[in-house]
Amino acid sequence: MQRTLKDLKPGETGRVAKIDGKGPVKRRLMDMGVTRGTEILIRKVAPLGDPIEVNVRGYELSFRKAEAESIILE
């Protein structure tokens, strides 16, 4: 079973293995610095699980659950 960004809890880190998204979604994630080998730290998760606040390359981003599911971790 593949582990995705959505599976991590606050305070945990993961390293990006690949992005499963297609077209504009994948391009947008890559433009934000989410590329293969990048380490991502989960900072906060909203009470209902959406959005997820992460730290990537020294800055904070927020992802929807659907976007976080498309980020496969090593």
N, C-alpha and C. Protein backbone atom coordinates (compact mmCIF):
# COMPACT_ATOMS: atom_id res chain seq x y z
N MET A 1 0.84 -1.20 0.00
CA MET A 1 0.00 0.00 0.00
C MET A 1 0.88 1.25 0.00
N GLN A 2 0.54 2.18 -0.86
CA GLN A 2 1.30 3.41 -0.95
C GLN A 2 0.88 4.37 0.16
N ARG A 3 1.85 5.07 0.71
CA ARG A 3 1.57 6.08 1.72
C ARG A 3 1.48 7.43 1.03
N THR A 4 0.46 8.20 1.37
CA THR A 4 0.29 9.52 0.76
C THR A 4 0.47 10.60 1.81
N LEU A 5 0.54 11.82 1.36
CA LEU A 5 0.67 12.96 2.27
C LEU A 5 -0.52 13.03 3.22
N LYS A 6 -1.68 12.63 2.75
CA LYS A 6 -2.90 12.66 3.56
C LYS A 6 -2.80 11.75 4.78
N ASP A 7 -1.98 10.69 4.70
CA ASP A 7 -1.86 9.71 5.78
C ASP A 7 -1.01 10.19 6.95
N LEU A 8 -0.22 11.25 6.77
CA LEU A 8 0.65 11.73 7.84
C LEU A 8 -0.12 12.54 8.87
N LYS A 9 0.38 12.51 10.10
CA LYS A 9 -0.19 13.27 11.21
C LYS A 9 0.64 14.53 11.43
N PRO A 10 0.09 15.54 12.12
CA PRO A 10 0.87 16.76 12.41
C PRO A 10 2.18 16.44 13.12
N GLY A 11 3.25 17.06 12.65
CA GLY A 11 4.58 16.84 13.20
C GLY A 11 5.38 15.79 12.45
N GLU A 12 4.75 14.99 11.61
CA GLU A 12 5.45 13.96 10.85
C GLU A 12 5.98 14.53 9.54
N THR A 13 7.04 13.91 9.04
CA THR A 13 7.60 14.32 7.76
C THR A 13 7.58 13.15 6.79
N GLY A 14 7.65 13.49 5.53
CA GLY A 14 7.70 12.49 4.48
C GLY A 14 8.47 13.04 3.29
N ARG A 15 9.02 12.15 2.49
CA ARG A 15 9.77 12.54 1.30
C ARG A 15 8.96 12.13 0.06
N VAL A 16 8.81 13.06 -0.86
CA VAL A 16 8.00 12.84 -2.05
C VAL A 16 8.66 11.81 -2.97
N ALA A 17 7.89 10.78 -3.33
CA ALA A 17 8.37 9.78 -4.30
C ALA A 17 7.86 10.14 -5.69
N LYS A 18 6.57 10.53 -5.78
CA LYS A 18 6.00 10.96 -7.06
C LYS A 18 4.68 11.67 -6.82
N ILE A 19 4.20 12.33 -7.87
CA ILE A 19 2.91 13.01 -7.83
C ILE A 19 2.01 12.30 -8.83
N ASP A 20 0.86 11.81 -8.35
CA ASP A 20 -0.07 11.08 -9.21
C ASP A 20 -1.05 11.98 -9.95
N GLY A 21 -1.10 13.25 -9.61
CA GLY A 21 -2.05 14.15 -10.25
C GLY A 21 -1.81 14.25 -11.75
N LYS A 22 -2.80 14.78 -12.45
CA LYS A 22 -2.69 14.93 -13.90
C LYS A 22 -2.87 16.39 -14.29
N GLY A 23 -2.28 16.74 -15.39
CA GLY A 23 -2.47 18.05 -15.99
C GLY A 23 -2.15 19.21 -15.08
N PRO A 24 -3.09 20.16 -14.98
CA PRO A 24 -2.84 21.39 -14.25
C PRO A 24 -2.58 21.18 -12.76
N VAL A 25 -3.19 20.17 -12.17
CA VAL A 25 -2.99 19.93 -10.73
C VAL A 25 -1.54 19.53 -10.47
N LYS A 26 -1.03 18.61 -11.24
CA LYS A 26 0.36 18.17 -11.09
C LYS A 26 1.32 19.33 -11.36
N ARG A 27 1.06 20.08 -12.39
CA ARG A 27 1.91 21.23 -12.73
C ARG A 27 1.91 22.26 -11.60
N ARG A 28 0.75 22.52 -11.01
CA ARG A 28 0.64 23.51 -9.93
C ARG A 28 1.43 23.06 -8.71
N LEU A 29 1.31 21.78 -8.34
CA LEU A 29 2.06 21.25 -7.20
C LEU A 29 3.56 21.36 -7.44
N MET A 30 3.99 21.03 -8.64
CA MET A 30 5.41 21.11 -8.97
C MET A 30 5.90 22.56 -8.97
N ASP A 31 5.06 23.48 -9.43
CA ASP A 31 5.43 24.90 -9.42
C ASP A 31 5.58 25.43 -7.99
N MET A 32 4.86 24.81 -7.03
CA MET A 32 4.95 25.24 -5.64
C MET A 32 6.14 24.61 -4.93
N GLY A 33 6.91 23.78 -5.62
CA GLY A 33 8.11 23.20 -5.03
C GLY A 33 7.96 21.76 -4.57
N VAL A 34 6.81 21.15 -4.82
CA VAL A 34 6.60 19.75 -4.44
C VAL A 34 7.11 18.89 -5.59
N THR A 35 8.38 18.50 -5.48
CA THR A 35 9.00 17.68 -6.51
C THR A 35 9.60 16.43 -5.86
N ARG A 36 9.99 15.48 -6.67
CA ARG A 36 10.55 14.23 -6.18
C ARG A 36 11.75 14.48 -5.27
N GLY A 37 11.75 13.84 -4.09
CA GLY A 37 12.85 13.99 -3.15
C GLY A 37 12.68 15.10 -2.14
N THR A 38 11.67 15.94 -2.30
CA THR A 38 11.42 17.05 -1.39
C THR A 38 10.84 16.53 -0.08
N GLU A 39 11.34 17.05 1.04
CA GLU A 39 10.81 16.67 2.34
C GLU A 39 9.66 17.61 2.71
N ILE A 40 8.57 17.03 3.21
CA ILE A 40 7.39 17.81 3.58
C ILE A 40 7.05 17.53 5.04
N LEU A 41 6.84 18.59 5.82
CA LEU A 41 6.45 18.49 7.22
C LEU A 41 4.99 18.89 7.36
N ILE A 42 4.20 18.07 8.02
CA ILE A 42 2.79 18.40 8.28
C ILE A 42 2.75 19.31 9.50
N ARG A 43 2.25 20.53 9.33
CA ARG A 43 2.18 21.47 10.44
C ARG A 43 0.84 21.38 11.17
N LYS A 44 -0.24 21.45 10.43
CA LYS A 44 -1.57 21.42 11.03
C LYS A 44 -2.55 20.73 10.09
N VAL A 45 -3.59 20.18 10.69
CA VAL A 45 -4.69 19.62 9.91
C VAL A 45 -5.97 20.23 10.48
N ALA A 46 -6.84 20.74 9.63
CA ALA A 46 -8.09 21.34 10.07
C ALA A 46 -8.95 20.29 10.78
N PRO A 47 -9.85 20.70 11.65
CA PRO A 47 -10.68 19.75 12.41
C PRO A 47 -11.41 18.71 11.54
N LEU A 48 -11.86 19.08 10.39
CA LEU A 48 -12.54 18.13 9.52
C LEU A 48 -11.59 17.50 8.50
N GLY A 49 -10.29 17.78 8.66
CA GLY A 49 -9.28 17.16 7.79
C GLY A 49 -8.98 17.90 6.51
N ASP A 50 -9.62 19.02 6.28
CA ASP A 50 -9.42 19.74 5.03
C ASP A 50 -9.43 21.24 5.30
N PRO A 51 -8.41 22.00 5.07
CA PRO A 51 -7.15 21.71 4.40
C PRO A 51 -6.06 21.21 5.36
N ILE A 52 -4.92 20.88 4.78
CA ILE A 52 -3.75 20.42 5.50
C ILE A 52 -2.66 21.47 5.29
N GLU A 53 -2.09 21.98 6.39
CA GLU A 53 -1.01 22.97 6.28
C GLU A 53 0.32 22.25 6.38
N VAL A 54 1.20 22.51 5.41
CA VAL A 54 2.50 21.84 5.36
C VAL A 54 3.63 22.85 5.22
N ASN A 55 4.84 22.39 5.52
CA ASN A 55 6.04 23.19 5.32
C ASN A 55 6.86 22.50 4.23
N VAL A 56 7.09 23.22 3.14
CA VAL A 56 7.85 22.69 2.00
C VAL A 56 8.94 23.70 1.67
N ARG A 57 10.19 23.24 1.70
CA ARG A 57 11.33 24.09 1.33
C ARG A 57 11.37 25.41 2.09
N GLY A 58 10.93 25.39 3.36
CA GLY A 58 11.01 26.57 4.21
C GLY A 58 9.82 27.51 4.15
N TYR A 59 8.77 27.16 3.43
CA TYR A 59 7.59 28.01 3.44
C TYR A 59 6.33 27.15 3.63
N GLU A 60 5.25 27.81 4.07
CA GLU A 60 4.02 27.10 4.38
C GLU A 60 3.06 27.10 3.19
N LEU A 61 2.42 25.95 2.98
CA LEU A 61 1.40 25.78 1.94
C LEU A 61 0.20 25.08 2.56
N SER A 62 -0.95 25.24 1.95
CA SER A 62 -2.13 24.49 2.35
C SER A 62 -2.61 23.68 1.17
N PHE A 63 -2.92 22.41 1.43
CA PHE A 63 -3.42 21.51 0.40
C PHE A 63 -4.79 20.99 0.78
N ARG A 64 -5.62 20.76 -0.22
CA ARG A 64 -6.87 20.05 0.01
C ARG A 64 -6.54 18.57 0.16
N LYS A 65 -7.49 17.81 0.72
CA LYS A 65 -7.29 16.36 0.88
C LYS A 65 -7.02 15.69 -0.46
N ALA A 66 -7.76 16.09 -1.49
CA ALA A 66 -7.59 15.48 -2.81
C ALA A 66 -6.18 15.72 -3.35
N GLU A 67 -5.65 16.91 -3.13
CA GLU A 67 -4.28 17.20 -3.58
C GLU A 67 -3.27 16.39 -2.77
N ALA A 68 -3.49 16.30 -1.46
CA ALA A 68 -2.58 15.55 -0.58
C ALA A 68 -2.59 14.06 -0.93
N GLU A 69 -3.72 13.55 -1.40
CA GLU A 69 -3.80 12.14 -1.79
C GLU A 69 -2.99 11.83 -3.04
N SER A 70 -2.78 12.85 -3.86
CA SER A 70 -2.03 12.62 -5.10
C SER A 70 -0.52 12.68 -4.91
N ILE A 71 -0.07 13.03 -3.69
CA ILE A 71 1.36 13.10 -3.40
C ILE A 71 1.77 11.80 -2.71
N ILE A 72 2.50 10.95 -3.43
CA ILE A 72 2.92 9.64 -2.94
C ILE A 72 4.29 9.80 -2.25
N LEU A 73 4.42 9.23 -1.05
CA LEU A 73 5.65 9.34 -0.29
C LEU A 73 6.48 8.07 -0.37
N GLU A 74 7.78 8.22 -0.12
CA GLU A 74 8.71 7.07 -0.09
C GLU A 74 8.51 6.29 1.18
